[in-house]
């Protein structure tokens, strides 16, 4: 039986000048992830990671000796949440979230209730294709990217081979939601619940994909669980 194992990257450096790198805690989480994978997946047929540094760093910190050489897959990139927030904040004028505009610093406000409320609203508008931002991947383009990735996965799993991938919350949640036939908004909502280094699994079923588990996190102590 062939499986897909989806790993959300370890904690990123939310308030650092370069967000796209693991924090000290993120590296600790990756080490604990590696210890779990040594038991769970000492061997695997395919290893993929997304184009962000945090994707590669999570893979490199949890790699197993017998794994094959990894392949970077551009379709595993995160959806453009930061760009949506930066360009979309001004569009809240005249909405029920207008009060958030002046209270949010898009560079340093990550994690505050106002920031998260505004981000979730803007991402909903984006994935429903109600807003399009200059130079930013559209909701339609994102959904098409993930669908092409699902088709690639199906071909490999149908051959009886298994895959582990390292990516981000929005990509994993949309992939998982696609197989549930969930609408795009509710599929993306799963992202807000995914822990760093969580393990989500799917398997081959009659030529397609079926969901098996979501957000395994018991390899990380409660005090070290994060969402960034």
Protein backbone atom coordinates (compact mmCIF):
# COMPACT_ATOMS: atom_id res chain seq x y z
CA UNK A 1 0.00 0.00 0.00
CA UNK A 2 1.46 3.37 -1.01
CA UNK A 3 1.25 6.49 1.15
CA UNK A 4 1.85 10.23 0.96
CA UNK A 5 3.34 11.82 4.09
CA UNK A 6 3.00 15.60 4.25
CA UNK A 7 5.21 17.46 6.72
CA UNK A 8 4.59 21.07 7.61
CA UNK A 9 7.91 22.88 8.12
CA UNK A 10 9.24 23.52 11.63
CA UNK A 11 8.80 26.90 13.32
CA UNK A 12 9.98 29.80 11.15
CA UNK A 13 11.60 33.01 12.43
CA UNK A 14 8.42 35.10 12.58
CA UNK A 15 9.91 38.38 13.82
CA UNK A 16 13.40 38.12 12.34
CA UNK A 17 14.58 40.18 9.39
CA UNK A 18 14.47 36.98 7.32
CA UNK A 19 11.27 35.13 8.19
CA UNK A 20 12.08 32.23 5.87
CA UNK A 21 14.43 30.28 8.11
CA UNK A 22 13.97 28.00 11.08
CA UNK A 23 14.13 29.43 14.58
CA UNK A 24 16.16 27.75 17.32
CA UNK A 25 12.95 26.05 18.46
CA UNK A 26 12.27 25.07 14.86
CA UNK A 27 15.53 23.15 14.72
CA UNK A 28 14.65 21.41 18.00
CA UNK A 29 11.28 20.44 16.51
CA UNK A 30 12.98 19.08 13.39
CA UNK A 31 15.29 16.92 15.51
CA UNK A 32 12.28 15.43 17.31
CA UNK A 33 10.56 14.91 13.95
CA UNK A 34 13.64 13.06 12.69
CA UNK A 35 13.54 10.76 15.70
CA UNK A 36 9.92 9.90 14.91
CA UNK A 37 10.63 9.37 11.21
CA UNK A 38 13.52 7.03 12.08
CA UNK A 39 10.91 4.71 13.55
CA UNK A 40 8.05 5.48 11.20
CA UNK A 41 9.81 5.90 7.83
CA UNK A 42 13.41 4.65 7.82
CA UNK A 43 13.01 4.12 4.07
CA UNK A 44 10.84 5.86 1.47
CA UNK A 45 10.63 5.89 -2.33
CA UNK A 46 10.51 9.65 -2.96
CA UNK A 47 11.49 12.75 -0.96
CA UNK A 48 10.22 16.17 -2.06
CA UNK A 49 10.52 19.62 -0.56
CA UNK A 50 9.23 23.04 -1.49
CA UNK A 51 11.31 26.03 -2.64
CA UNK A 52 11.41 27.92 0.67
CA UNK A 53 14.45 27.73 2.93
CA UNK A 54 12.31 26.56 5.85
CA UNK A 55 11.12 23.60 3.76
CA UNK A 56 14.67 22.51 2.92
CA UNK A 57 15.95 23.13 6.45
CA UNK A 58 13.20 21.00 7.96
CA UNK A 59 14.06 18.19 5.55
CA UNK A 60 17.80 18.49 6.19
CA UNK A 61 17.29 18.42 9.97
CA UNK A 62 15.13 15.29 9.92
CA UNK A 63 16.63 13.32 7.01
CA UNK A 64 17.06 9.56 7.33
CA UNK A 65 20.19 7.76 6.11
CA UNK A 66 18.42 5.40 3.70
CA UNK A 67 16.26 8.01 1.99
CA UNK A 68 16.86 8.70 -1.72
CA UNK A 69 18.14 12.06 -2.98
CA UNK A 70 15.47 14.75 -2.54
CA UNK A 71 13.77 16.67 -5.33
CA UNK A 72 12.68 20.29 -5.04
CA UNK A 73 9.13 20.75 -6.33
CA UNK A 74 8.05 24.28 -7.13
CA UNK A 75 4.37 23.41 -6.76
CA UNK A 76 4.97 22.78 -3.05
CA UNK A 77 5.49 26.49 -2.44
CA UNK A 78 3.26 28.19 0.12
CA UNK A 79 0.34 30.36 -0.99
CA UNK A 80 1.27 34.07 -0.97
CA UNK A 81 -0.14 35.00 2.44
CA UNK A 82 2.34 37.80 3.18
CA UNK A 83 1.79 39.45 -0.19
CA UNK A 84 -1.99 39.14 0.20
CA UNK A 85 -1.76 40.86 3.58
CA UNK A 86 0.54 43.64 2.42
CA UNK A 87 -1.54 44.52 -0.64
CA UNK A 88 -4.92 43.64 0.81
CA UNK A 89 -4.90 45.57 4.07
CA UNK A 90 -6.07 48.79 2.41
CA UNK A 91 -9.01 46.94 0.82
CA UNK A 92 -10.53 46.49 4.28
CA UNK A 93 -11.69 50.09 4.19
CA UNK A 94 -15.46 50.11 4.32
CA UNK A 95 -15.69 46.53 5.65
CA UNK A 96 -16.39 45.25 9.15
CA UNK A 97 -12.61 44.96 9.59
CA UNK A 98 -11.81 48.58 8.78
CA UNK A 99 -10.65 49.12 12.36
CA UNK A 100 -7.75 46.72 11.72
CA UNK A 101 -6.08 48.90 9.09
CA UNK A 102 -4.36 51.35 11.41
CA UNK A 103 -3.62 48.81 14.14
CA UNK A 104 -1.61 46.33 12.06
CA UNK A 105 2.03 46.48 11.07
CA UNK A 106 2.36 43.84 8.35
CA UNK A 107 6.06 43.40 9.14
CA UNK A 108 5.89 42.90 12.90
CA UNK A 109 2.25 42.23 13.72
CA UNK A 110 2.25 38.53 12.84
CA UNK A 111 0.35 36.52 15.44
CA UNK A 112 -1.76 39.30 16.96
CA UNK A 113 -5.55 38.71 16.96
CA UNK A 114 -6.13 41.68 14.63
CA UNK A 115 -3.51 40.48 12.18
CA UNK A 116 -4.85 36.93 12.07
CA UNK A 117 -8.47 38.03 11.72
CA UNK A 118 -7.61 40.32 8.82
CA UNK A 119 -5.33 37.73 7.18
CA UNK A 120 -7.95 34.99 7.35
CA UNK A 121 -10.59 37.29 5.83
CA UNK A 122 -8.31 38.43 3.02
CA UNK A 123 -7.22 34.86 2.25
CA UNK A 124 -10.86 33.82 2.01
CA UNK A 125 -11.50 36.63 -0.47
CA UNK A 126 -8.40 35.63 -2.43
CA UNK A 127 -9.11 31.89 -2.66
CA UNK A 128 -12.71 32.66 -3.73
CA UNK A 129 -11.20 34.82 -6.50
CA UNK A 130 -13.00 37.94 -5.28
CA UNK A 131 -9.73 39.87 -5.16
CA UNK A 132 -6.64 39.79 -7.36
CA UNK A 133 -3.40 41.58 -6.47
CA UNK A 134 -0.73 42.89 -8.81
CA UNK A 135 2.20 40.52 -9.25
CA UNK A 136 0.71 37.99 -6.81
CA UNK A 137 -0.38 34.44 -7.63
CA UNK A 138 -4.16 34.42 -7.90
CA UNK A 139 -6.46 32.06 -6.05
CA UNK A 140 -7.27 30.35 -9.36
CA UNK A 141 -3.59 29.88 -10.18
CA UNK A 142 -2.90 28.47 -6.72
CA UNK A 143 -5.72 25.93 -6.97
CA UNK A 144 -4.51 24.87 -10.42
CA UNK A 145 -0.96 24.46 -9.06
CA UNK A 146 -2.13 22.17 -6.29
CA UNK A 147 -4.34 20.15 -8.64
CA UNK A 148 -1.39 19.47 -10.93
CA UNK A 149 0.57 18.34 -7.87
CA UNK A 150 -2.24 15.97 -6.88
CA UNK A 151 -2.14 14.43 -10.36
CA UNK A 152 1.63 13.89 -10.07
CA UNK A 153 1.17 12.26 -6.66
CA UNK A 154 -1.57 9.96 -7.95
CA UNK A 155 0.64 8.67 -10.75
CA UNK A 156 3.41 7.72 -8.32
CA UNK A 157 1.20 6.19 -5.64
CA UNK A 158 -0.62 4.15 -8.30
CA UNK A 159 2.73 2.45 -8.99
CA UNK A 160 2.88 1.28 -5.38
CA UNK A 161 5.51 3.86 -4.34
CA UNK A 162 5.37 6.22 -1.36
CA UNK A 163 6.32 9.89 -0.96
CA UNK A 164 7.29 12.18 1.90
CA UNK A 165 7.10 15.91 1.24
CA UNK A 166 8.06 19.02 3.19
CA UNK A 167 5.94 22.10 2.56
CA UNK A 168 3.76 24.73 4.24
CA UNK A 169 0.34 24.79 5.87
CA UNK A 170 -1.67 26.30 3.03
CA UNK A 171 -0.37 23.87 0.44
CA UNK A 172 -0.90 20.82 2.65
CA UNK A 173 -4.37 21.89 3.76
CA UNK A 174 -5.51 22.58 0.18
CA UNK A 175 -4.12 19.23 -0.98
CA UNK A 176 -5.91 17.47 1.89
CA UNK A 177 -9.13 19.40 1.25
CA UNK A 178 -9.04 18.64 -2.47
CA UNK A 179 -9.30 14.92 -1.79
CA UNK A 180 -12.23 15.62 0.56
CA UNK A 181 -13.90 17.56 -2.26
CA UNK A 182 -14.17 20.45 0.20
CA UNK A 183 -14.81 23.92 -1.16
CA UNK A 184 -11.58 25.95 -1.46
CA UNK A 185 -12.33 28.20 1.51
CA UNK A 186 -12.85 25.36 3.96
CA UNK A 187 -9.87 23.48 2.55
CA UNK A 188 -7.63 26.49 3.19
CA UNK A 189 -9.10 26.90 6.68
CA UNK A 190 -7.42 23.63 7.67
CA UNK A 191 -4.12 25.52 7.42
CA UNK A 192 -4.85 27.57 10.52
CA UNK A 193 -4.90 24.36 12.61
CA UNK A 194 -1.72 22.69 11.31
CA UNK A 195 1.16 22.55 13.78
CA UNK A 196 4.77 22.99 12.76
CA UNK A 197 6.29 19.54 11.92
CA UNK A 198 2.83 17.97 11.95
CA UNK A 199 2.38 14.85 9.81
CA UNK A 200 -0.63 14.51 7.53
CA UNK A 201 -1.11 11.31 5.54
CA UNK A 202 -3.00 10.17 2.46
CA UNK A 203 -2.88 6.92 0.50
CA UNK A 204 -3.70 5.49 -2.88
CA UNK A 205 -7.30 4.32 -3.23
CA UNK A 206 -8.77 3.05 -6.50
CA UNK A 207 -6.51 5.27 -8.59
CA UNK A 208 -7.06 8.38 -6.49
CA UNK A 209 -6.21 9.67 -3.04
CA UNK A 210 -7.98 9.05 0.25
CA UNK A 211 -7.22 10.88 3.51
CA UNK A 212 -5.88 8.87 6.42
CA UNK A 213 -4.76 11.30 9.14
CA UNK A 214 -4.44 15.01 9.77
CA UNK A 215 -2.03 16.96 11.96
CA UNK A 216 -0.17 14.22 13.87
CA UNK A 217 1.90 16.04 16.47
CA UNK A 218 2.54 13.64 19.34
CA UNK A 219 6.31 13.68 18.60
CA UNK A 220 6.44 17.30 19.85
CA UNK A 221 5.87 18.04 23.57
CA UNK A 222 2.90 20.29 24.24
CA UNK A 223 5.14 23.12 25.46
CA UNK A 224 7.04 23.15 22.13
CA UNK A 225 4.09 23.10 19.73
CA UNK A 226 3.75 26.13 17.46
CA UNK A 227 1.87 27.34 14.38
CA UNK A 228 4.27 29.87 12.75
